């Protein structure tokens, strides 16, 4: 989606060349260039962020800030993402609705994941899981709280995959880091299972993009 941004592509190439020349490291972990449209976000200048105490109070601490109040994330990756989100509020209605749809589905207040109950009553707060065994179809309803709880349990075991990936790709990882990667990858399947029946477009997209990479797990197990 950046083919029409000739100056942007040129600038990105210059940055990559600068990194190669100065860092002398493998940059294979940088796979693509994405468009960042400032029009998709509400721009907050430095003064506004400081006065609103979004992530830093007027005294310079994190205590009492908006980020400190909202941050219930289970991983460093989630914390960084939340900080990006509150520093760059969404400006497009469709993007806001998409994000809220995923949030509501996990906390159990969304109409998105509700299914009509065969008895005629409403199955509020339930996900419907269907399966076929031997030609027989079975239906099991899973409480939203269970889906969210399972997801949180997996995330607590994952840690900071982003920084670990960067260390490995730049050749700064040690054997302990590689073993940590193996354990993280072994949790991807559990995470994929936890959100398998979510219906919001955002969560469904995350589910489809999660790749357990069993071949990497096997390679690490045989190599260390």
C-alpha atoms as a PDB file:
ATOM      1  CA  UNK A   1       0.000   0.000   0.000  1.00  0.00           C
ATOM      2  CA  UNK A   2       2.991   2.358  -0.346  1.00  0.00           C
ATOM      3  CA  UNK A   3       3.612   2.050  -4.087  1.00  0.00           C
ATOM      4  CA  UNK A   4       2.309   5.564  -4.738  1.00  0.00           C
ATOM      5  CA  UNK A   5       4.483   7.117  -2.015  1.00  0.00           C
ATOM      6  CA  UNK A   6       7.680   7.500  -3.996  1.00  0.00           C
ATOM      7  CA  UNK A   7       9.332   9.935  -1.599  1.00  0.00           C
ATOM      8  CA  UNK A   8       8.302   7.797   1.356  1.00  0.00           C
ATOM      9  CA  UNK A   9       9.773   4.653  -0.185  1.00  0.00           C
ATOM     10  CA  UNK A  10      12.991   6.537  -0.962  1.00  0.00           C
ATOM     11  CA  UNK A  11      13.188   7.804   2.622  1.00  0.00           C
ATOM     12  CA  UNK A  12      12.575   4.295   3.971  1.00  0.00           C
ATOM     13  CA  UNK A  13      15.380   2.984   1.785  1.00  0.00           C
ATOM     14  CA  UNK A  14      17.696   5.676   3.115  1.00  0.00           C
ATOM     15  CA  UNK A  15      16.841   4.704   6.693  1.00  0.00           C
ATOM     16  CA  UNK A  16      17.547   1.024   5.964  1.00  0.00           C
ATOM     17  CA  UNK A  17      20.883   1.937   4.407  1.00  0.00           C
ATOM     18  CA  UNK A  18      21.747   4.084   7.429  1.00  0.00           C
ATOM     19  CA  UNK A  19      20.934   1.224   9.796  1.00  0.00           C
ATOM     20  CA  UNK A  20      23.029  -1.225   7.798  1.00  0.00           C
ATOM     21  CA  UNK A  21      25.988   1.158   7.795  1.00  0.00           C
ATOM     22  CA  UNK A  22      25.837   2.175  11.444  1.00  0.00           C
ATOM     23  CA  UNK A  23      24.496  -0.884  13.266  1.00  0.00           C
ATOM     24  CA  UNK A  24      26.412  -3.535  11.307  1.00  0.00           C
ATOM     25  CA  UNK A  25      23.645  -5.965  12.172  1.00  0.00           C
ATOM     26  CA  UNK A  26      21.291  -8.316  10.369  1.00  0.00           C
ATOM     27  CA  UNK A  27      18.066  -6.454   9.546  1.00  0.00           C
ATOM     28  CA  UNK A  28      16.093  -9.463   8.334  1.00  0.00           C
ATOM     29  CA  UNK A  29      13.501  -8.921  11.072  1.00  0.00           C
ATOM     30  CA  UNK A  30      12.321  -5.830   9.167  1.00  0.00           C
ATOM     31  CA  UNK A  31      10.035  -7.500   6.662  1.00  0.00           C
ATOM     32  CA  UNK A  32       7.982  -4.696   5.152  1.00  0.00           C
ATOM     33  CA  UNK A  33       7.137  -1.017   5.071  1.00  0.00           C
ATOM     34  CA  UNK A  34       3.658   0.119   6.067  1.00  0.00           C
ATOM     35  CA  UNK A  35       1.813   3.344   5.395  1.00  0.00           C
ATOM     36  CA  UNK A  36       1.305   5.540   8.462  1.00  0.00           C
ATOM     37  CA  UNK A  37      -1.387   8.089   7.696  1.00  0.00           C
ATOM     38  CA  UNK A  38      -1.486  10.837  10.338  1.00  0.00           C
ATOM     39  CA  UNK A  39      -5.065  11.505   9.270  1.00  0.00           C
ATOM     40  CA  UNK A  40      -6.093   8.199  10.855  1.00  0.00           C
ATOM     41  CA  UNK A  41      -5.228   9.544  14.312  1.00  0.00           C
ATOM     42  CA  UNK A  42      -5.917  12.594  16.467  1.00  0.00           C
ATOM     43  CA  UNK A  43      -2.665  14.524  16.739  1.00  0.00           C
ATOM     44  CA  UNK A  44      -1.677  15.478  20.285  1.00  0.00           C
ATOM     45  CA  UNK A  45       1.261  17.835  20.635  1.00  0.00           C
ATOM     46  CA  UNK A  46       3.816  17.537  23.419  1.00  0.00           C
ATOM     47  CA  UNK A  47       2.230  20.301  25.501  1.00  0.00           C
ATOM     48  CA  UNK A  48      -1.214  18.685  25.311  1.00  0.00           C
ATOM     49  CA  UNK A  49       0.142  15.291  26.301  1.00  0.00           C
ATOM     50  CA  UNK A  50       1.956  16.811  29.254  1.00  0.00           C
ATOM     51  CA  UNK A  51      -1.015  18.864  30.480  1.00  0.00           C
ATOM     52  CA  UNK A  52      -3.387  15.912  30.143  1.00  0.00           C
ATOM     53  CA  UNK A  53      -0.858  13.719  31.983  1.00  0.00           C
ATOM     54  CA  UNK A  54      -1.413  10.888  29.519  1.00  0.00           C
ATOM     55  CA  UNK A  55       1.675   8.836  30.361  1.00  0.00           C
ATOM     56  CA  UNK A  56       3.750  11.255  32.415  1.00  0.00           C
ATOM     57  CA  UNK A  57       2.536  13.565  35.168  1.00  0.00           C
ATOM     58  CA  UNK A  58       3.557  17.198  35.507  1.00  0.00           C
ATOM     59  CA  UNK A  59       6.024  16.063  38.157  1.00  0.00           C
ATOM     60  CA  UNK A  60       7.584  13.618  35.697  1.00  0.00           C
ATOM     61  CA  UNK A  61       6.349  10.379  37.254  1.00  0.00           C
ATOM     62  CA  UNK A  62       3.935   7.785  35.869  1.00  0.00           C
ATOM     63  CA  UNK A  63       1.780   7.698  38.992  1.00  0.00           C
ATOM     64  CA  UNK A  64      -1.742   9.015  38.529  1.00  0.00           C
ATOM     65  CA  UNK A  65      -1.504   9.269  34.742  1.00  0.00           C
ATOM     66  CA  UNK A  66      -4.116   8.015  32.305  1.00  0.00           C
ATOM     67  CA  UNK A  67      -1.774   5.233  31.257  1.00  0.00           C
ATOM     68  CA  UNK A  68      -1.204   4.129  34.859  1.00  0.00           C
ATOM     69  CA  UNK A  69      -4.957   3.929  35.422  1.00  0.00           C
ATOM     70  CA  UNK A  70      -5.702   2.003  32.229  1.00  0.00           C
ATOM     71  CA  UNK A  71      -2.684  -0.285  32.137  1.00  0.00           C
ATOM     72  CA  UNK A  72      -3.899  -3.760  33.056  1.00  0.00           C
ATOM     73  CA  UNK A  73      -1.861  -5.416  30.330  1.00  0.00           C
ATOM     74  CA  UNK A  74      -0.184  -8.769  30.932  1.00  0.00           C
ATOM     75  CA  UNK A  75       2.856  -8.362  28.677  1.00  0.00           C
ATOM     76  CA  UNK A  76       5.385  -5.599  27.933  1.00  0.00           C
ATOM     77  CA  UNK A  77       4.154  -5.741  24.334  1.00  0.00           C
ATOM     78  CA  UNK A  78       0.618  -4.956  25.472  1.00  0.00           C
ATOM     79  CA  UNK A  79       1.863  -2.077  27.607  1.00  0.00           C
ATOM     80  CA  UNK A  80       3.695  -0.506  24.666  1.00  0.00           C
ATOM     81  CA  UNK A  81       0.668  -0.962  22.418  1.00  0.00           C
ATOM     82  CA  UNK A  82      -1.664   0.641  24.965  1.00  0.00           C
ATOM     83  CA  UNK A  83       0.690   3.599  25.299  1.00  0.00           C
ATOM     84  CA  UNK A  84       0.711   4.042  21.512  1.00  0.00           C
ATOM     85  CA  UNK A  85      -3.076   3.878  21.436  1.00  0.00           C
ATOM     86  CA  UNK A  86      -3.633   6.584  24.048  1.00  0.00           C
ATOM     87  CA  UNK A  87      -0.962   8.831  22.526  1.00  0.00           C
ATOM     88  CA  UNK A  88      -2.536   8.424  19.078  1.00  0.00           C
ATOM     89  CA  UNK A  89      -6.345   8.200  19.501  1.00  0.00           C
ATOM     90  CA  UNK A  90      -8.165   6.850  16.468  1.00  0.00           C
ATOM     91  CA  UNK A  91      -9.805   9.415  14.205  1.00  0.00           C
ATOM     92  CA  UNK A  92     -11.861   7.160  11.910  1.00  0.00           C
ATOM     93  CA  UNK A  93     -15.240   5.881  13.086  1.00  0.00           C
ATOM     94  CA  UNK A  94     -14.892   2.487  11.426  1.00  0.00           C
ATOM     95  CA  UNK A  95     -11.542   1.860  13.114  1.00  0.00           C
ATOM     96  CA  UNK A  96     -13.015   2.852  16.488  1.00  0.00           C
ATOM     97  CA  UNK A  97     -15.964   0.496  16.024  1.00  0.00           C
ATOM     98  CA  UNK A  98     -13.677  -2.352  14.986  1.00  0.00           C
ATOM     99  CA  UNK A  99     -11.519  -1.959  18.096  1.00  0.00           C
ATOM    100  CA  UNK A 100     -14.503  -1.623  20.434  1.00  0.00           C
ATOM    101  CA  UNK A 101     -16.133  -4.670  18.892  1.00  0.00           C
ATOM    102  CA  UNK A 102     -13.135  -6.780  19.906  1.00  0.00           C
ATOM    103  CA  UNK A 103     -13.023  -5.263  23.395  1.00  0.00           C
ATOM    104  CA  UNK A 104     -16.749  -5.756  23.966  1.00  0.00           C
ATOM    105  CA  UNK A 105     -16.606  -9.345  22.819  1.00  0.00           C
ATOM    106  CA  UNK A 106     -13.931 -10.168  25.354  1.00  0.00           C
ATOM    107  CA  UNK A 107     -15.609  -8.404  28.273  1.00  0.00           C
ATOM    108  CA  UNK A 108     -19.005  -9.865  27.444  1.00  0.00           C
ATOM    109  CA  UNK A 109     -21.075  -6.795  26.599  1.00  0.00           C
ATOM    110  CA  UNK A 110     -21.278  -7.101  22.830  1.00  0.00           C
ATOM    111  CA  UNK A 111     -24.155  -8.040  20.580  1.00  0.00           C
ATOM    112  CA  UNK A 112     -21.571  -9.260  18.069  1.00  0.00           C
ATOM    113  CA  UNK A 113     -20.970 -12.666  19.628  1.00  0.00           C
ATOM    114  CA  UNK A 114     -24.521 -13.440  20.732  1.00  0.00           C
ATOM    115  CA  UNK A 115     -26.369 -16.316  19.130  1.00  0.00           C
ATOM    116  CA  UNK A 116     -30.110 -17.000  19.154  1.00  0.00           C
ATOM    117  CA  UNK A 117     -30.973 -19.652  21.728  1.00  0.00           C
ATOM    118  CA  UNK A 118     -32.953 -22.606  20.243  1.00  0.00           C
ATOM    119  CA  UNK A 119     -35.375 -22.313  23.167  1.00  0.00           C
ATOM    120  CA  UNK A 120     -36.123 -18.741  22.210  1.00  0.00           C
ATOM    121  CA  UNK A 121     -34.273 -17.105  25.082  1.00  0.00           C
ATOM    122  CA  UNK A 122     -31.257 -14.884  24.557  1.00  0.00           C
ATOM    123  CA  UNK A 123     -27.810 -16.405  25.106  1.00  0.00           C
ATOM    124  CA  UNK A 124     -26.249 -13.225  26.435  1.00  0.00           C
ATOM    125  CA  UNK A 125     -22.546 -13.332  27.085  1.00  0.00           C
ATOM    126  CA  UNK A 126     -21.990 -16.655  25.325  1.00  0.00           C
ATOM    127  CA  UNK A 127     -19.964 -17.825  22.342  1.00  0.00           C
ATOM    128  CA  UNK A 128     -21.293 -20.734  20.302  1.00  0.00           C
ATOM    129  CA  UNK A 129     -18.821 -23.457  19.401  1.00  0.00           C
ATOM    130  CA  UNK A 130     -19.939 -26.015  16.827  1.00  0.00           C
ATOM    131  CA  UNK A 131     -18.275 -29.288  15.891  1.00  0.00           C
ATOM    132  CA  UNK A 132     -19.111 -32.442  13.998  1.00  0.00           C
ATOM    133  CA  UNK A 133     -18.062 -35.915  15.106  1.00  0.00           C
ATOM    134  CA  UNK A 134     -19.258 -38.968  13.213  1.00  0.00           C
ATOM    135  CA  UNK A 135     -21.832 -36.924  11.365  1.00  0.00           C
ATOM    136  CA  UNK A 136     -23.366 -35.625  14.610  1.00  0.00           C
ATOM    137  CA  UNK A 137     -23.278 -31.910  15.275  1.00  0.00           C
ATOM    138  CA  UNK A 138     -22.713 -30.725  18.810  1.00  0.00           C
ATOM    139  CA  UNK A 139     -22.953 -27.230  20.215  1.00  0.00           C
ATOM    140  CA  UNK A 140     -21.105 -25.993  23.291  1.00  0.00           C
ATOM    141  CA  UNK A 141     -21.548 -22.496  24.643  1.00  0.00           C
ATOM    142  CA  UNK A 142     -18.518 -20.892  26.237  1.00  0.00           C
ATOM    143  CA  UNK A 143     -18.890 -17.909  28.608  1.00  0.00           C
ATOM    144  CA  UNK A 144     -17.092 -14.761  27.485  1.00  0.00           C
ATOM    145  CA  UNK A 145     -15.310 -14.710  30.821  1.00  0.00           C
ATOM    146  CA  UNK A 146     -13.796 -18.097  30.028  1.00  0.00           C
ATOM    147  CA  UNK A 147     -12.524 -16.905  26.637  1.00  0.00           C
ATOM    148  CA  UNK A 148     -10.944 -13.826  28.181  1.00  0.00           C
ATOM    149  CA  UNK A 149      -9.554 -15.832  31.090  1.00  0.00           C
ATOM    150  CA  UNK A 150      -7.949 -18.398  28.796  1.00  0.00           C
ATOM    151  CA  UNK A 151      -6.441 -15.631  26.686  1.00  0.00           C
ATOM    152  CA  UNK A 152      -4.998 -13.866  29.732  1.00  0.00           C
ATOM    153  CA  UNK A 153      -3.468 -17.090  31.051  1.00  0.00           C
ATOM    154  CA  UNK A 154      -1.619 -17.629  27.771  1.00  0.00           C
ATOM    155  CA  UNK A 155      -0.482 -14.004  27.522  1.00  0.00           C
ATOM    156  CA  UNK A 156       0.979 -14.157  31.045  1.00  0.00           C
ATOM    157  CA  UNK A 157       3.273 -16.955  29.869  1.00  0.00           C
ATOM    158  CA  UNK A 158       4.395 -15.257  26.652  1.00  0.00           C
ATOM    159  CA  UNK A 159       6.460 -12.307  27.893  1.00  0.00           C
ATOM    160  CA  UNK A 160       8.155  -9.847  25.550  1.00  0.00           C
ATOM    161  CA  UNK A 161       8.310 -11.605  22.195  1.00  0.00           C
ATOM    162  CA  UNK A 162       8.963  -8.370  20.270  1.00  0.00           C
ATOM    163  CA  UNK A 163      12.257  -7.578  21.997  1.00  0.00           C
ATOM    164  CA  UNK A 164      13.285 -11.216  22.062  1.00  0.00           C
ATOM    165  CA  UNK A 165      12.733 -11.408  18.315  1.00  0.00           C
ATOM    166  CA  UNK A 166      14.841  -8.278  17.802  1.00  0.00           C
ATOM    167  CA  UNK A 167      17.691  -9.721  19.889  1.00  0.00           C
ATOM    168  CA  UNK A 168      17.674 -12.926  17.868  1.00  0.00           C
ATOM    169  CA  UNK A 169      17.527 -11.193  14.491  1.00  0.00           C
ATOM    170  CA  UNK A 170      20.369  -8.820  15.389  1.00  0.00           C
ATOM    171  CA  UNK A 171      22.604 -11.637  16.623  1.00  0.00           C
ATOM    172  CA  UNK A 172      22.564 -10.589  20.297  1.00  0.00           C
ATOM    173  CA  UNK A 173      20.632 -13.564  21.675  1.00  0.00           C
ATOM    174  CA  UNK A 174      22.134 -16.187  23.952  1.00  0.00           C
ATOM    175  CA  UNK A 175      20.973 -19.817  24.415  1.00  0.00           C
ATOM    176  CA  UNK A 176      18.614 -18.796  27.209  1.00  0.00           C
ATOM    177  CA  UNK A 177      16.884 -16.358  24.841  1.00  0.00           C
ATOM    178  CA  UNK A 178      16.476 -19.054  22.201  1.00  0.00           C
ATOM    179  CA  UNK A 179      14.967 -21.446  24.740  1.00  0.00           C
ATOM    180  CA  UNK A 180      12.603 -18.666  25.839  1.00  0.00           C
ATOM    181  CA  UNK A 181      11.551 -18.305  22.204  1.00  0.00           C
ATOM    182  CA  UNK A 182      10.737 -22.020  22.096  1.00  0.00           C
ATOM    183  CA  UNK A 183       8.448 -21.735  25.117  1.00  0.00           C
ATOM    184  CA  UNK A 184       6.735 -18.667  23.675  1.00  0.00           C
ATOM    185  CA  UNK A 185       6.122 -20.362  20.333  1.00  0.00           C
ATOM    186  CA  UNK A 186       4.675 -23.377  22.139  1.00  0.00           C
ATOM    187  CA  UNK A 187       1.989 -21.046  23.554  1.00  0.00           C
ATOM    188  CA  UNK A 188       0.880 -19.677  20.180  1.00  0.00           C
ATOM    189  CA  UNK A 189      -1.329 -22.693  19.544  1.00  0.00           C
ATOM    190  CA  UNK A 190      -2.993 -22.205  22.935  1.00  0.00           C
ATOM    191  CA  UNK A 191      -3.618 -18.542  22.159  1.00  0.00           C
ATOM    192  CA  UNK A 192      -5.068 -19.447  18.773  1.00  0.00           C
ATOM    193  CA  UNK A 193      -7.376 -21.963  20.448  1.00  0.00           C
ATOM    194  CA  UNK A 194      -8.476 -19.468  23.103  1.00  0.00           C
ATOM    195  CA  UNK A 195      -9.845 -17.010  20.521  1.00  0.00           C
ATOM    196  CA  UNK A 196     -10.894 -19.563  17.906  1.00  0.00           C
ATOM    197  CA  UNK A 197     -14.605 -18.845  18.304  1.00  0.00           C
ATOM    198  CA  UNK A 198     -14.446 -15.067  18.540  1.00  0.00           C
ATOM    199  CA  UNK A 199     -16.478 -13.353  15.847  1.00  0.00           C
ATOM    200  CA  UNK A 200     -15.284  -9.739  15.831  1.00  0.00           C
ATOM    201  CA  UNK A 201     -13.243  -8.947  12.689  1.00  0.00           C
ATOM    202  CA  UNK A 202     -10.216  -7.820  14.706  1.00  0.00           C
ATOM    203  CA  UNK A 203      -9.995 -10.975  16.827  1.00  0.00           C
ATOM    204  CA  UNK A 204     -10.769 -13.204  13.837  1.00  0.00           C
ATOM    205  CA  UNK A 205      -7.931 -11.551  11.903  1.00  0.00           C
ATOM    206  CA  UNK A 206      -5.525 -12.071  14.817  1.00  0.00           C
ATOM    207  CA  UNK A 207      -6.542 -15.726  14.987  1.00  0.00           C
ATOM    208  CA  UNK A 208      -5.918 -16.247  11.270  1.00  0.00           C
ATOM    209  CA  UNK A 209      -2.492 -14.582  11.404  1.00  0.00           C
ATOM    210  CA  UNK A 210      -1.180 -16.554  14.389  1.00  0.00           C
ATOM    211  CA  UNK A 211       1.300 -19.217  13.256  1.00  0.00           C
ATOM    212  CA  UNK A 212       2.578 -21.766  15.837  1.00  0.00           C
ATOM    213  CA  UNK A 213       5.748 -22.570  13.774  1.00  0.00           C
ATOM    214  CA  UNK A 214       6.283 -26.145  15.047  1.00  0.00           C
ATOM    215  CA  UNK A 215       9.325 -26.542  12.801  1.00  0.00           C
ATOM    216  CA  UNK A 216      11.134 -23.773  14.686  1.00  0.00           C
ATOM    217  CA  UNK A 217      10.254 -25.388  18.027  1.00  0.00           C
ATOM    218  CA  UNK A 218      11.646 -28.704  16.788  1.00  0.00           C
ATOM    219  CA  UNK A 219      14.818 -27.044  15.487  1.00  0.00           C
ATOM    220  CA  UNK A 220      15.488 -25.417  18.857  1.00  0.00           C
ATOM    221  CA  UNK A 221      14.799 -28.642  20.767  1.00  0.00           C
ATOM    222  CA  UNK A 222      17.296 -30.549  18.644  1.00  0.00           C
ATOM    223  CA  UNK A 223      19.868 -27.771  18.619  1.00  0.00           C
ATOM    224  CA  UNK A 224      20.027 -26.893  22.323  1.00  0.00           C
END
